[in-house]
Amino acid sequence: MPALPIKPPLTIRLCQPRGFCAGVDRAIQIVVLALKKYGAPVYVRHEIVHNRYVVEGLQQLGAVFIEELHEIPAEHRDAPVVFSAHGVPKSVPADAVARNLFYLDATCPLVSKVHKQAMRHQRLGRHVLLIGHAGHPEVIGTMGQLPPGAVTLIETEADIDRFEPEDASALGFVTQTTLSVEDTAGLLKALEQRFPDLKAPAAESICYATTNRQEAVKEAAPGADLFLVVGAPNSSNSKRLVEVAERAGAKMSLLVQRASEIPWDEIGAVATVGLSAGASAPEIIVGEIIDAFRERFDVRLDLAVTATELENFPVMRALRDVELTAADMAFVNGGN
């Protein structure tokens, strides 16, 4: 009997925390609870979170994803519609009311906090500068809390150079919750140099989960031959983790949605691999990727732990009378 080939040794530095945050967990719970309470279909405006695995799993349960409210058929106008975790402009719930729709707002409480901070700046007579990425649903939602022209989006230092305020002494800033801490710090420094009277929000805008995941990546990345981040191409926080890993010392950093996307022929000889997951990526895919490496390597897991997250955001009162089964909770928690 031929001897089994010896697998090369590999250390996987597994980041903790990683994956689902409290806001994502709450948003998925809201859709699952709505399906259990009201039955299918439950409409969801935009991807509830940026992850195809989650979206497809909810579709199998009876969720229907749409981009705009007019897509809901007339015969289903009594079905609930859920707004995604990224938040929506004020015009969206107003449109829902005008259409006599029953809606459930799954906006992450930390995104809602940024909305309130932006509105507070305006109430105090300040023009709002929003540091973020154009076209991201969270940015669209935050800008849509205020009247047109009340918010200016800042993506780059060139945007800062071009911006000419009516009153440089009446400016306040907020940021998208999923940005890189380092990138935001650079833009803030440039803004404060040009506008010394710039007012900060009442509390930090970048969310705890974004910061925690970036810190864990910084811990695991130095010297890694490869760093993999589980996440979708349209997930801002996941893309930032790839950038953080490269800056922290990983030789190569890649964003993948599933194990099938790992380019085995391109990664070369690796001895150390870092592994994390964006805030909307389920743990079951992390396990899938570890199993894929175990098929090819003699794997040793090394945990890079930088924080313990105990945050829990409760769902709205209308859904609190619904109980989730163990299988429901496993899905909501990303396959844990």
C-alpha atoms as a PDB file:
ATOM      1  CA  MET A   1       0.000   0.000   0.000  1.00  0.00           C
ATOM      2  CA  PRO A   2       1.591   3.311  -1.066  1.00  0.00           C
ATOM      3  CA  ALA A   3       2.347   5.774   1.697  1.00  0.00           C
ATOM      4  CA  LEU A   4       0.140   8.838   1.851  1.00  0.00           C
ATOM      5  CA  PRO A   5       1.939  11.986   0.672  1.00  0.00           C
ATOM      6  CA  ILE A   6       3.237  14.157   3.487  1.00  0.00           C
ATOM      7  CA  LYS A   7       1.398  17.447   3.622  1.00  0.00           C
ATOM      8  CA  PRO A   8       3.521  20.569   4.084  1.00  0.00           C
ATOM      9  CA  PRO A   9       3.066  22.339   7.438  1.00  0.00           C
ATOM     10  CA  LEU A  10       0.976  25.511   7.529  1.00  0.00           C
ATOM     11  CA  THR A  11       0.095  27.905  10.322  1.00  0.00           C
ATOM     12  CA  ILE A  12      -3.212  29.731   9.961  1.00  0.00           C
ATOM     13  CA  ARG A  13      -3.389  32.860  12.089  1.00  0.00           C
ATOM     14  CA  LEU A  14      -7.101  33.143  12.740  1.00  0.00           C
ATOM     15  CA  CYS A  15      -8.280  36.607  13.715  1.00  0.00           C
ATOM     16  CA  GLN A  16     -10.621  37.147  16.632  1.00  0.00           C
ATOM     17  CA  PRO A  17     -12.897  39.037  16.425  1.00  0.00           C
ATOM     18  CA  ARG A  18     -13.987  38.383  12.853  1.00  0.00           C
ATOM     19  CA  GLY A  19     -17.215  37.940  10.914  1.00  0.00           C
ATOM     20  CA  PHE A  20     -20.697  38.996  11.954  1.00  0.00           C
ATOM     21  CA  CYS A  21     -21.031  42.078  14.108  1.00  0.00           C
ATOM     22  CA  ALA A  22     -24.025  42.914  16.305  1.00  0.00           C
ATOM     23  CA  GLY A  23     -25.589  45.131  13.636  1.00  0.00           C
ATOM     24  CA  VAL A  24     -25.425  42.433  10.966  1.00  0.00           C
ATOM     25  CA  ASP A  25     -26.697  39.806  13.407  1.00  0.00           C
ATOM     26  CA  ARG A  26     -29.677  42.047  14.255  1.00  0.00           C
ATOM     27  CA  ALA A  27     -30.501  42.747  10.596  1.00  0.00           C
ATOM     28  CA  ILE A  28     -30.542  39.054   9.671  1.00  0.00           C
ATOM     29  CA  GLN A  29     -32.620  38.284  12.761  1.00  0.00           C
ATOM     30  CA  ILE A  30     -35.184  40.879  11.680  1.00  0.00           C
ATOM     31  CA  VAL A  31     -35.701  39.197   8.295  1.00  0.00           C
ATOM     32  CA  VAL A  32     -35.885  35.697   9.806  1.00  0.00           C
ATOM     33  CA  LEU A  33     -38.304  36.837  12.549  1.00  0.00           C
ATOM     34  CA  ALA A  34     -40.483  38.683  10.023  1.00  0.00           C
ATOM     35  CA  LEU A  35     -40.699  35.540   7.887  1.00  0.00           C
ATOM     36  CA  LYS A  36     -41.708  33.471  10.914  1.00  0.00           C
ATOM     37  CA  LYS A  37     -44.289  36.020  12.120  1.00  0.00           C
ATOM     38  CA  TYR A  38     -45.823  37.195   8.846  1.00  0.00           C
ATOM     39  CA  GLY A  39     -44.936  34.397   6.430  1.00  0.00           C
ATOM     40  CA  ALA A  40     -43.421  34.674   2.968  1.00  0.00           C
ATOM     41  CA  PRO A  41     -42.858  36.810   1.087  1.00  0.00           C
ATOM     42  CA  VAL A  42     -40.964  39.396   3.106  1.00  0.00           C
ATOM     43  CA  TYR A  43     -39.476  42.043   0.843  1.00  0.00           C
ATOM     44  CA  VAL A  44     -36.014  43.434   1.566  1.00  0.00           C
ATOM     45  CA  ARG A  45     -34.883  46.700   0.010  1.00  0.00           C
ATOM     46  CA  HIS A  46     -31.270  46.233  -1.091  1.00  0.00           C
ATOM     47  CA  GLU A  47     -29.083  43.364   0.169  1.00  0.00           C
ATOM     48  CA  ILE A  48     -29.776  43.117   3.898  1.00  0.00           C
ATOM     49  CA  VAL A  49     -25.983  42.770   4.310  1.00  0.00           C
ATOM     50  CA  HIS A  50     -23.290  42.512   1.661  1.00  0.00           C
ATOM     51  CA  ASN A  51     -22.917  38.751   1.454  1.00  0.00           C
ATOM     52  CA  ARG A  52     -24.301  36.430  -1.223  1.00  0.00           C
ATOM     53  CA  TYR A  53     -24.348  33.381   1.082  1.00  0.00           C
ATOM     54  CA  VAL A  54     -26.615  35.230   3.528  1.00  0.00           C
ATOM     55  CA  VAL A  55     -28.802  36.704   0.783  1.00  0.00           C
ATOM     56  CA  GLU A  56     -29.284  33.336  -0.931  1.00  0.00           C
ATOM     57  CA  GLY A  57     -30.052  31.660   2.400  1.00  0.00           C
ATOM     58  CA  LEU A  58     -32.756  34.229   3.136  1.00  0.00           C
ATOM     59  CA  GLN A  59     -34.155  33.851  -0.376  1.00  0.00           C
ATOM     60  CA  GLN A  60     -34.581  30.133   0.275  1.00  0.00           C
ATOM     61  CA  LEU A  61     -36.597  31.030   3.385  1.00  0.00           C
ATOM     62  CA  GLY A  62     -38.894  33.315   1.392  1.00  0.00           C
ATOM     63  CA  ALA A  63     -37.249  36.740   1.367  1.00  0.00           C
ATOM     64  CA  VAL A  64     -37.488  38.716  -1.879  1.00  0.00           C
ATOM     65  CA  PHE A  65     -34.777  41.291  -2.528  1.00  0.00           C
ATOM     66  CA  ILE A  66     -35.612  44.485  -4.392  1.00  0.00           C
ATOM     67  CA  GLU A  67     -33.826  47.755  -5.070  1.00  0.00           C
ATOM     68  CA  GLU A  68     -36.833  50.103  -4.933  1.00  0.00           C
ATOM     69  CA  LEU A  69     -40.259  49.946  -3.310  1.00  0.00           C
ATOM     70  CA  HIS A  70     -42.150  50.226  -6.595  1.00  0.00           C
ATOM     71  CA  GLU A  71     -40.970  46.684  -7.410  1.00  0.00           C
ATOM     72  CA  ILE A  72     -43.348  45.220  -4.798  1.00  0.00           C
ATOM     73  CA  PRO A  73     -46.345  43.798  -6.723  1.00  0.00           C
ATOM     74  CA  ALA A  74     -49.768  45.259  -5.953  1.00  0.00           C
ATOM     75  CA  GLU A  75     -51.016  41.884  -4.653  1.00  0.00           C
ATOM     76  CA  HIS A  76     -48.215  41.856  -2.032  1.00  0.00           C
ATOM     77  CA  ARG A  77     -48.639  45.401  -0.707  1.00  0.00           C
ATOM     78  CA  ASP A  78     -49.600  43.965   2.685  1.00  0.00           C
ATOM     79  CA  ALA A  79     -46.291  42.071   2.987  1.00  0.00           C
ATOM     80  CA  PRO A  80     -43.587  43.560   5.242  1.00  0.00           C
ATOM     81  CA  VAL A  81     -40.615  45.325   3.661  1.00  0.00           C
ATOM     82  CA  VAL A  82     -37.296  45.454   5.520  1.00  0.00           C
ATOM     83  CA  PHE A  83     -34.734  48.241   5.066  1.00  0.00           C
ATOM     84  CA  SER A  84     -31.127  47.020   5.028  1.00  0.00           C
ATOM     85  CA  ALA A  85     -28.531  47.400   7.777  1.00  0.00           C
ATOM     86  CA  HIS A  86     -26.765  50.135   5.786  1.00  0.00           C
ATOM     87  CA  GLY A  87     -29.554  52.658   6.375  1.00  0.00           C
ATOM     88  CA  VAL A  88     -31.760  54.538   3.914  1.00  0.00           C
ATOM     89  CA  PRO A  89     -32.454  58.173   3.038  1.00  0.00           C
ATOM     90  CA  LYS A  90     -35.478  59.744   4.726  1.00  0.00           C
ATOM     91  CA  SER A  91     -37.249  59.637   1.376  1.00  0.00           C
ATOM     92  CA  VAL A  92     -37.511  55.815   1.544  1.00  0.00           C
ATOM     93  CA  PRO A  93     -39.704  55.454   4.668  1.00  0.00           C
ATOM     94  CA  ALA A  94     -41.701  58.453   3.410  1.00  0.00           C
ATOM     95  CA  ASP A  95     -42.262  56.577   0.143  1.00  0.00           C
ATOM     96  CA  ALA A  96     -43.289  53.472   2.105  1.00  0.00           C
ATOM     97  CA  VAL A  97     -45.878  55.485   4.033  1.00  0.00           C
ATOM     98  CA  ALA A  98     -47.182  57.031   0.799  1.00  0.00           C
ATOM     99  CA  ARG A  99     -47.593  53.524  -0.649  1.00  0.00           C
ATOM    100  CA  ASN A 100     -49.288  52.309   2.540  1.00  0.00           C
ATOM    101  CA  LEU A 101     -46.556  49.697   3.121  1.00  0.00           C
ATOM    102  CA  PHE A 102     -45.640  48.114   6.457  1.00  0.00           C
ATOM    103  CA  TYR A 103     -41.887  48.494   6.895  1.00  0.00           C
ATOM    104  CA  LEU A 104     -39.287  47.282   9.392  1.00  0.00           C
ATOM    105  CA  ASP A 105     -36.096  49.331   9.609  1.00  0.00           C
ATOM    106  CA  ALA A 106     -33.027  47.100  10.108  1.00  0.00           C
ATOM    107  CA  THR A 107     -30.556  49.998  10.001  1.00  0.00           C
ATOM    108  CA  CYS A 108     -27.594  49.253  12.268  1.00  0.00           C
ATOM    109  CA  PRO A 109     -27.918  51.335  15.465  1.00  0.00           C
ATOM    110  CA  LEU A 110     -24.369  52.601  14.940  1.00  0.00           C
ATOM    111  CA  VAL A 111     -25.298  53.872  11.466  1.00  0.00           C
ATOM    112  CA  SER A 112     -28.392  55.500  12.980  1.00  0.00           C
ATOM    113  CA  LYS A 113     -26.057  57.190  15.455  1.00  0.00           C
ATOM    114  CA  VAL A 114     -24.115  58.737  12.568  1.00  0.00           C
ATOM    115  CA  HIS A 115     -27.414  59.964  11.083  1.00  0.00           C
ATOM    116  CA  LYS A 116     -28.220  61.687  14.381  1.00  0.00           C
ATOM    117  CA  GLN A 117     -24.738  63.203  14.565  1.00  0.00           C
ATOM    118  CA  ALA A 118     -25.130  64.659  11.059  1.00  0.00           C
ATOM    119  CA  MET A 119     -28.543  66.075  11.941  1.00  0.00           C
ATOM    120  CA  ARG A 120     -27.123  67.578  15.149  1.00  0.00           C
ATOM    121  CA  HIS A 121     -24.403  69.375  13.164  1.00  0.00           C
ATOM    122  CA  GLN A 122     -27.055  70.845  10.883  1.00  0.00           C
ATOM    123  CA  ARG A 123     -29.263  71.835  13.807  1.00  0.00           C
ATOM    124  CA  LEU A 124     -26.305  73.768  15.218  1.00  0.00           C
ATOM    125  CA  GLY A 125     -25.922  75.625  11.931  1.00  0.00           C
ATOM    126  CA  ARG A 126     -22.994  73.640  10.511  1.00  0.00           C
ATOM    127  CA  HIS A 127     -22.440  72.376   6.986  1.00  0.00           C
ATOM    128  CA  VAL A 128     -21.753  68.625   7.213  1.00  0.00           C
ATOM    129  CA  LEU A 129     -18.680  66.946   5.733  1.00  0.00           C
ATOM    130  CA  LEU A 130     -19.132  63.188   5.336  1.00  0.00           C
ATOM    131  CA  ILE A 131     -15.933  61.169   4.973  1.00  0.00           C
ATOM    132  CA  GLY A 132     -16.878  58.079   2.972  1.00  0.00           C
ATOM    133  CA  HIS A 133     -17.109  56.327  -0.393  1.00  0.00           C
ATOM    134  CA  ALA A 134     -19.423  57.609  -3.107  1.00  0.00           C
ATOM    135  CA  GLY A 135     -22.219  55.236  -4.049  1.00  0.00           C
ATOM    136  CA  HIS A 136     -22.019  53.095  -0.894  1.00  0.00           C
ATOM    137  CA  PRO A 137     -25.533  52.491   0.515  1.00  0.00           C
ATOM    138  CA  GLU A 138     -24.516  53.797   3.934  1.00  0.00           C
ATOM    139  CA  VAL A 139     -23.237  57.045   2.422  1.00  0.00           C
ATOM    140  CA  ILE A 140     -26.406  57.434   0.343  1.00  0.00           C
ATOM    141  CA  GLY A 141     -28.487  56.872   3.467  1.00  0.00           C
ATOM    142  CA  THR A 142     -26.515  59.329   5.602  1.00  0.00           C
ATOM    143  CA  MET A 143     -26.559  62.069   2.973  1.00  0.00           C
ATOM    144  CA  GLY A 144     -30.289  61.467   2.577  1.00  0.00           C
ATOM    145  CA  GLN A 145     -30.973  62.428   6.201  1.00  0.00           C
ATOM    146  CA  LEU A 146     -30.441  66.091   5.338  1.00  0.00           C
ATOM    147  CA  PRO A 147     -31.710  68.404   2.567  1.00  0.00           C
ATOM    148  CA  PRO A 148     -29.829  68.490  -0.762  1.00  0.00           C
ATOM    149  CA  GLY A 149     -26.668  70.572  -0.474  1.00  0.00           C
ATOM    150  CA  ALA A 150     -26.419  70.238   3.311  1.00  0.00           C
ATOM    151  CA  VAL A 151     -23.750  67.484   3.112  1.00  0.00           C
ATOM    152  CA  THR A 152     -20.487  67.378   1.149  1.00  0.00           C
ATOM    153  CA  LEU A 153     -18.841  63.992   0.567  1.00  0.00           C
ATOM    154  CA  ILE A 154     -15.099  63.818   1.174  1.00  0.00           C
ATOM    155  CA  GLU A 155     -13.308  60.819  -0.346  1.00  0.00           C
ATOM    156  CA  THR A 156      -9.805  62.147  -0.979  1.00  0.00           C
ATOM    157  CA  GLU A 157      -7.497  65.018  -0.089  1.00  0.00           C
ATOM    158  CA  ALA A 158      -8.275  66.446  -3.542  1.00  0.00           C
ATOM    159  CA  ASP A 159     -11.898  66.787  -2.402  1.00  0.00           C
ATOM    160  CA  ILE A 160     -10.670  68.790   0.594  1.00  0.00           C
ATOM    161  CA  ASP A 161      -8.621  71.089  -1.657  1.00  0.00           C
ATOM    162  CA  ARG A 162     -11.619  71.705  -3.937  1.00  0.00           C
ATOM    163  CA  PHE A 163     -14.133  72.349  -1.172  1.00  0.00           C
ATOM    164  CA  GLU A 164     -15.008  76.023  -0.696  1.00  0.00           C
ATOM    165  CA  PRO A 165     -17.447  76.471   2.212  1.00  0.00           C
ATOM    166  CA  GLU A 166     -19.705  79.461   2.629  1.00  0.00           C
ATOM    167  CA  ASP A 167     -18.559  79.705   6.252  1.00  0.00           C
ATOM    168  CA  ALA A 168     -15.350  77.920   7.238  1.00  0.00           C
ATOM    169  CA  SER A 169     -16.161  78.474  10.916  1.00  0.00           C
ATOM    170  CA  ALA A 170     -19.416  76.484  10.669  1.00  0.00           C
ATOM    171  CA  LEU A 171     -18.370  72.987   9.605  1.00  0.00           C
ATOM    172  CA  GLY A 172     -18.894  69.589  11.230  1.00  0.00           C
ATOM    173  CA  PHE A 173     -17.835  66.117  10.100  1.00  0.00           C
ATOM    174  CA  VAL A 174     -19.060  62.545  10.374  1.00  0.00           C
ATOM    175  CA  THR A 175     -17.649  59.389   8.788  1.00  0.00           C
ATOM    176  CA  GLN A 176     -18.901  56.210   7.196  1.00  0.00           C
ATOM    177  CA  THR A 177     -18.777  53.510   9.885  1.00  0.00           C
ATOM    178  CA  THR A 178     -16.747  50.975   7.884  1.00  0.00           C
ATOM    179  CA  LEU A 179     -13.654  52.991   6.933  1.00  0.00           C
ATOM    180  CA  SER A 180     -10.012  52.277   7.644  1.00  0.00           C
ATOM    181  CA  VAL A 181      -8.970  54.081  10.817  1.00  0.00           C
ATOM    182  CA  GLU A 182      -5.643  55.108   9.238  1.00  0.00           C
ATOM    183  CA  ASP A 183      -7.199  56.490   6.040  1.00  0.00           C
ATOM    184  CA  THR A 184      -9.750  58.459   8.009  1.00  0.00           C
ATOM    185  CA  ALA A 185      -7.048  59.865  10.288  1.00  0.00           C
ATOM    186  CA  GLY A 186      -5.135  61.162   7.267  1.00  0.00           C
ATOM    187  CA  LEU A 187      -8.178  62.890   5.811  1.00  0.00           C
ATOM    188  CA  LEU A 188      -9.133  64.333   9.182  1.00  0.00           C
ATOM    189  CA  LYS A 189      -5.659  65.767   9.646  1.00  0.00           C
ATOM    190  CA  ALA A 190      -5.883  67.459   6.244  1.00  0.00           C
ATOM    191  CA  LEU A 191      -9.381  68.782   7.006  1.00  0.00           C
ATOM    192  CA  GLU A 192      -8.351  70.168  10.397  1.00  0.00           C
ATOM    193  CA  GLN A 193      -5.289  71.847   8.905  1.00  0.00           C
ATOM    194  CA  ARG A 194      -7.434  73.646   6.319  1.00  0.00           C
ATOM    195  CA  PHE A 195     -10.446  74.255   8.583  1.00  0.00           C
ATOM    196  CA  PRO A 196      -9.256  74.718  12.190  1.00  0.00           C
ATOM    197  CA  ASP A 197     -12.807  75.336  13.430  1.00  0.00           C
ATOM    198  CA  LEU A 198     -14.062  71.977  12.139  1.00  0.00           C
ATOM    199  CA  LYS A 199     -16.296  70.342  14.759  1.00  0.00           C
ATOM    200  CA  ALA A 200     -16.165  66.619  15.521  1.00  0.00           C
ATOM    201  CA  PRO A 201     -19.279  64.496  16.098  1.00  0.00           C
ATOM    202  CA  ALA A 202     -20.378  63.898  19.675  1.00  0.00           C
ATOM    203  CA  ALA A 203     -19.002  60.328  19.474  1.00  0.00           C
ATOM    204  CA  GLU A 204     -16.717  58.261  17.242  1.00  0.00           C
ATOM    205  CA  SER A 205     -18.349  57.405  13.901  1.00  0.00           C
ATOM    206  CA  ILE A 206     -16.242  54.393  12.861  1.00  0.00           C
ATOM    207  CA  CYS A 207     -17.927  51.460  14.576  1.00  0.00           C
ATOM    208  CA  TYR A 208     -16.366  49.239  17.230  1.00  0.00           C
ATOM    209  CA  ALA A 209     -16.593  46.161  14.979  1.00  0.00           C
ATOM    210  CA  THR A 210     -14.691  47.826  12.135  1.00  0.00           C
ATOM    211  CA  THR A 211     -11.941  48.957  14.508  1.00  0.00           C
ATOM    212  CA  ASN A 212     -11.745  45.590  16.296  1.00  0.00           C
ATOM    213  CA  ARG A 213     -11.453  43.614  13.060  1.00  0.00           C
ATOM    214  CA  GLN A 214      -8.750  45.915  11.762  1.00  0.00           C
ATOM    215  CA  GLU A 215      -6.761  45.604  15.000  1.00  0.00           C
ATOM    216  CA  ALA A 216      -6.920  41.798  14.835  1.00  0.00           C
ATOM    217  CA  VAL A 217      -5.700  41.871  11.230  1.00  0.00           C
ATOM    218  CA  LYS A 218      -2.778  44.104  12.236  1.00  0.00           C
ATOM    219  CA  GLU A 219      -1.867  41.501  14.860  1.00  0.00           C
ATOM    220  CA  ALA A 220      -1.996  38.559  12.433  1.00  0.00           C
ATOM    221  CA  ALA A 221      -0.616  40.065   9.225  1.00  0.00           C
ATOM    222  CA  PRO A 222       3.109  40.731   9.905  1.00  0.00           C
ATOM    223  CA  GLY A 223       5.183  38.077   8.141  1.00  0.00           C
ATOM    224  CA  ALA A 224       2.180  36.242   6.680  1.00  0.00           C
ATOM    225  CA  ASP A 225       2.845  34.794   3.216  1.00  0.00           C
ATOM    226  CA  LEU A 226      -0.849  35.189   2.408  1.00  0.00           C
ATOM    227  CA  PHE A 227      -3.739  36.939   4.097  1.00  0.00           C
ATOM    228  CA  LEU A 228      -7.306  36.002   3.206  1.00  0.00           C
ATOM    229  CA  VAL A 229     -10.317  38.118   4.066  1.00  0.00           C
ATOM    230  CA  VAL A 230     -13.743  36.534   3.659  1.00  0.00           C
ATOM    231  CA  GLY A 231     -16.112  39.111   2.251  1.00  0.00           C
ATOM    232  CA  ALA A 232     -17.970  40.433  -0.754  1.00  0.00           C
ATOM    233  CA  PRO A 233     -16.461  42.781  -3.370  1.00  0.00           C
ATOM    234  CA  ASN A 234     -19.085  45.411  -2.459  1.00  0.00           C
ATOM    235  CA  SER A 235     -18.389  45.166   1.288  1.00  0.00           C
ATOM    236  CA  SER A 236     -16.544  48.301   2.376  1.00  0.00           C
ATOM    237  CA  ASN A 237     -15.343  46.946   5.715  1.00  0.00           C
ATOM    238  CA  SER A 238     -14.044  43.738   4.092  1.00  0.00           C
ATOM    239  CA  LYS A 239     -12.077  45.635   1.433  1.00  0.00           C
ATOM    240  CA  ARG A 240     -10.549  47.814   4.148  1.00  0.00           C
ATOM    241  CA  LEU A 241      -9.319  44.651   5.932  1.00  0.00           C
ATOM    242  CA  VAL A 242      -7.446  43.608   2.778  1.00  0.00           C
ATOM    243  CA  GLU A 243      -5.723  47.004   2.702  1.00  0.00           C
ATOM    244  CA  VAL A 244      -4.931  46.871   6.422  1.00  0.00           C
ATOM    245  CA  ALA A 245      -3.334  43.416   6.031  1.00  0.00           C
ATOM    246  CA  GLU A 246      -1.075  44.635   3.226  1.00  0.00           C
ATOM    247  CA  ARG A 247      -0.007  47.703   5.185  1.00  0.00           C
ATOM    248  CA  ALA A 248       0.639  45.588   8.297  1.00  0.00           C
ATOM    249  CA  GLY A 249       3.117  43.314   6.518  1.00  0.00           C
ATOM    250  CA  ALA A 250       1.331  40.489   4.689  1.00  0.00           C
ATOM    251  CA  LYS A 251       3.144  39.576   1.466  1.00  0.00           C
ATOM    252  CA  MET A 252      -0.157  39.048  -0.368  1.00  0.00           C
ATOM    253  CA  SER A 253      -3.701  39.886   0.690  1.00  0.00           C
ATOM    254  CA  LEU A 254      -6.854  38.706  -1.082  1.00  0.00           C
ATOM    255  CA  LEU A 255     -10.616  39.097  -0.719  1.00  0.00           C
ATOM    256  CA  VAL A 256     -12.578  35.878  -1.311  1.00  0.00           C
ATOM    257  CA  GLN A 257     -16.254  35.010  -0.962  1.00  0.00           C
ATOM    258  CA  ARG A 258     -15.847  31.218  -0.807  1.00  0.00           C
ATOM    259  CA  ALA A 259     -13.029  28.653  -0.648  1.00  0.00           C
ATOM    260  CA  SER A 260     -13.554  27.994  -4.355  1.00  0.00           C
ATOM    261  CA  GLU A 261     -12.145  31.474  -5.094  1.00  0.00           C
ATOM    262  CA  ILE A 262      -8.719  30.789  -3.557  1.00  0.00           C
ATOM    263  CA  PRO A 263      -6.183  30.858  -6.448  1.00  0.00           C
ATOM    264  CA  TRP A 264      -4.150  27.833  -5.351  1.00  0.00           C
ATOM    265  CA  ASP A 265      -1.858  27.943  -8.403  1.00  0.00           C
ATOM    266  CA  GLU A 266      -0.966  31.584  -7.772  1.00  0.00           C
ATOM    267  CA  ILE A 267      -0.321  31.722  -4.034  1.00  0.00           C
ATOM    268  CA  GLY A 268       2.916  29.703  -4.277  1.00  0.00           C
ATOM    269  CA  ALA A 269       4.636  28.114  -1.301  1.00  0.00           C
ATOM    270  CA  VAL A 270       3.107  29.402   1.908  1.00  0.00           C
ATOM    271  CA  ALA A 271       3.981  28.638   5.506  1.00  0.00           C
ATOM    272  CA  THR A 272       1.841  31.213   7.291  1.00  0.00           C
ATOM    273  CA  VAL A 273      -1.642  32.354   6.283  1.00  0.00           C
ATOM    274  CA  GLY A 274      -3.684  35.040   8.008  1.00  0.00           C
ATOM    275  CA  LEU A 275      -7.470  34.637   7.964  1.00  0.00           C
ATOM    276  CA  SER A 276     -10.235  37.060   8.880  1.00  0.00           C
ATOM    277  CA  ALA A 277     -13.780  37.850   7.797  1.00  0.00           C
ATOM    278  CA  GLY A 278     -15.647  41.079   7.240  1.00  0.00           C
ATOM    279  CA  ALA A 279     -18.561  42.044   9.467  1.00  0.00           C
ATOM    280  CA  SER A 280     -21.121  40.611   7.024  1.00  0.00           C
ATOM    281  CA  ALA A 281     -19.343  37.302   6.350  1.00  0.00           C
ATOM    282  CA  PRO A 282     -20.707  34.155   8.070  1.00  0.00           C
ATOM    283  CA  GLU A 283     -18.473  31.905  10.156  1.00  0.00           C
ATOM    284  CA  ILE A 284     -19.448  28.843   8.129  1.00  0.00           C
ATOM    285  CA  ILE A 285     -17.356  30.144   5.217  1.00  0.00           C
ATOM    286  CA  VAL A 286     -14.345  30.641   7.488  1.00  0.00           C
ATOM    287  CA  GLY A 287     -14.677  26.963   8.413  1.00  0.00           C
ATOM    288  CA  GLU A 288     -14.997  26.035   4.749  1.00  0.00           C
ATOM    289  CA  ILE A 289     -11.710  27.812   3.970  1.00  0.00           C
ATOM    290  CA  ILE A 290      -9.867  26.192   6.869  1.00  0.00           C
ATOM    291  CA  ASP A 291     -11.082  22.768   5.627  1.00  0.00           C
ATOM    292  CA  ALA A 292      -9.816  23.596   2.123  1.00  0.00           C
ATOM    293  CA  PHE A 293      -6.352  24.289   3.520  1.00  0.00           C
ATOM    294  CA  ARG A 294      -6.456  21.109   5.615  1.00  0.00           C
ATOM    295  CA  GLU A 295      -6.955  19.092   2.427  1.00  0.00           C
ATOM    296  CA  ARG A 296      -3.629  20.439   1.169  1.00  0.00           C
ATOM    297  CA  PHE A 297      -1.584  21.198   4.296  1.00  0.00           C
ATOM    298  CA  ASP A 298      -0.892  19.965   7.797  1.00  0.00           C
ATOM    299  CA  VAL A 299      -2.650  22.894   9.451  1.00  0.00           C
ATOM    300  CA  ARG A 300      -1.977  24.391  12.865  1.00  0.00           C
ATOM    301  CA  LEU A 301      -4.349  27.108  14.037  1.00  0.00           C
ATOM    302  CA  ASP A 302      -2.941  30.104  15.879  1.00  0.00           C
ATOM    303  CA  LEU A 303      -5.490  32.578  17.279  1.00  0.00           C
ATOM    304  CA  ALA A 304      -4.792  36.315  17.020  1.00  0.00           C
ATOM    305  CA  VAL A 305      -7.143  37.657  19.697  1.00  0.00           C
ATOM    306  CA  THR A 306      -7.301  41.422  20.265  1.00  0.00           C
ATOM    307  CA  ALA A 307     -10.793  41.989  21.688  1.00  0.00           C
ATOM    308  CA  THR A 308     -13.886  40.258  23.037  1.00  0.00           C
ATOM    309  CA  GLU A 309     -17.183  41.534  21.678  1.00  0.00           C
ATOM    310  CA  LEU A 310     -20.260  41.312  23.891  1.00  0.00           C
ATOM    311  CA  GLU A 311     -22.470  43.862  22.097  1.00  0.00           C
ATOM    312  CA  ASN A 312     -26.051  42.869  21.357  1.00  0.00           C
ATOM    313  CA  PHE A 313     -28.586  45.047  19.558  1.00  0.00           C
ATOM    314  CA  PRO A 314     -32.191  43.985  20.226  1.00  0.00           C
ATOM    315  CA  VAL A 315     -34.740  43.822  17.418  1.00  0.00           C
ATOM    316  CA  MET A 316     -37.751  46.132  17.312  1.00  0.00           C
ATOM    317  CA  ARG A 317     -40.650  45.516  19.689  1.00  0.00           C
ATOM    318  CA  ALA A 318     -42.961  44.248  16.908  1.00  0.00           C
ATOM    319  CA  LEU A 319     -40.809  41.116  16.509  1.00  0.00           C
ATOM    320  CA  ARG A 320     -39.879  40.335  20.100  1.00  0.00           C
ATOM    321  CA  ASP A 321     -42.785  37.925  20.587  1.00  0.00           C
ATOM    322  CA  VAL A 322     -41.358  35.512  17.979  1.00  0.00           C
ATOM    323  CA  GLU A 323     -39.074  32.696  19.119  1.00  0.00           C
ATOM    324  CA  LEU A 324     -36.183  31.419  17.038  1.00  0.00           C
ATOM    325  CA  THR A 325     -35.349  27.709  16.895  1.00  0.00           C
ATOM    326  CA  ALA A 326     -31.815  26.385  17.300  1.00  0.00           C
ATOM    327  CA  ALA A 327     -31.616  26.048  13.496  1.00  0.00           C
ATOM    328  CA  ASP A 328     -32.779  29.657  13.087  1.00  0.00           C
ATOM    329  CA  MET A 329     -30.124  30.864  15.508  1.00  0.00           C
ATOM    330  CA  ALA A 330     -27.427  28.872  13.744  1.00  0.00           C
ATOM    331  CA  PHE A 331     -28.305  30.634  10.497  1.00  0.00           C
ATOM    332  CA  VAL A 332     -28.533  34.051  12.149  1.00  0.00           C
ATOM    333  CA  ASN A 333     -25.121  33.536  13.750  1.00  0.00           C
ATOM    334  CA  GLY A 334     -23.470  32.615  10.478  1.00  0.00           C
ATOM    335  CA  GLY A 335     -23.313  28.867  10.968  1.00  0.00           C
ATOM    336  CA  ASN A 336     -21.746  28.902  14.442  1.00  0.00           C
END
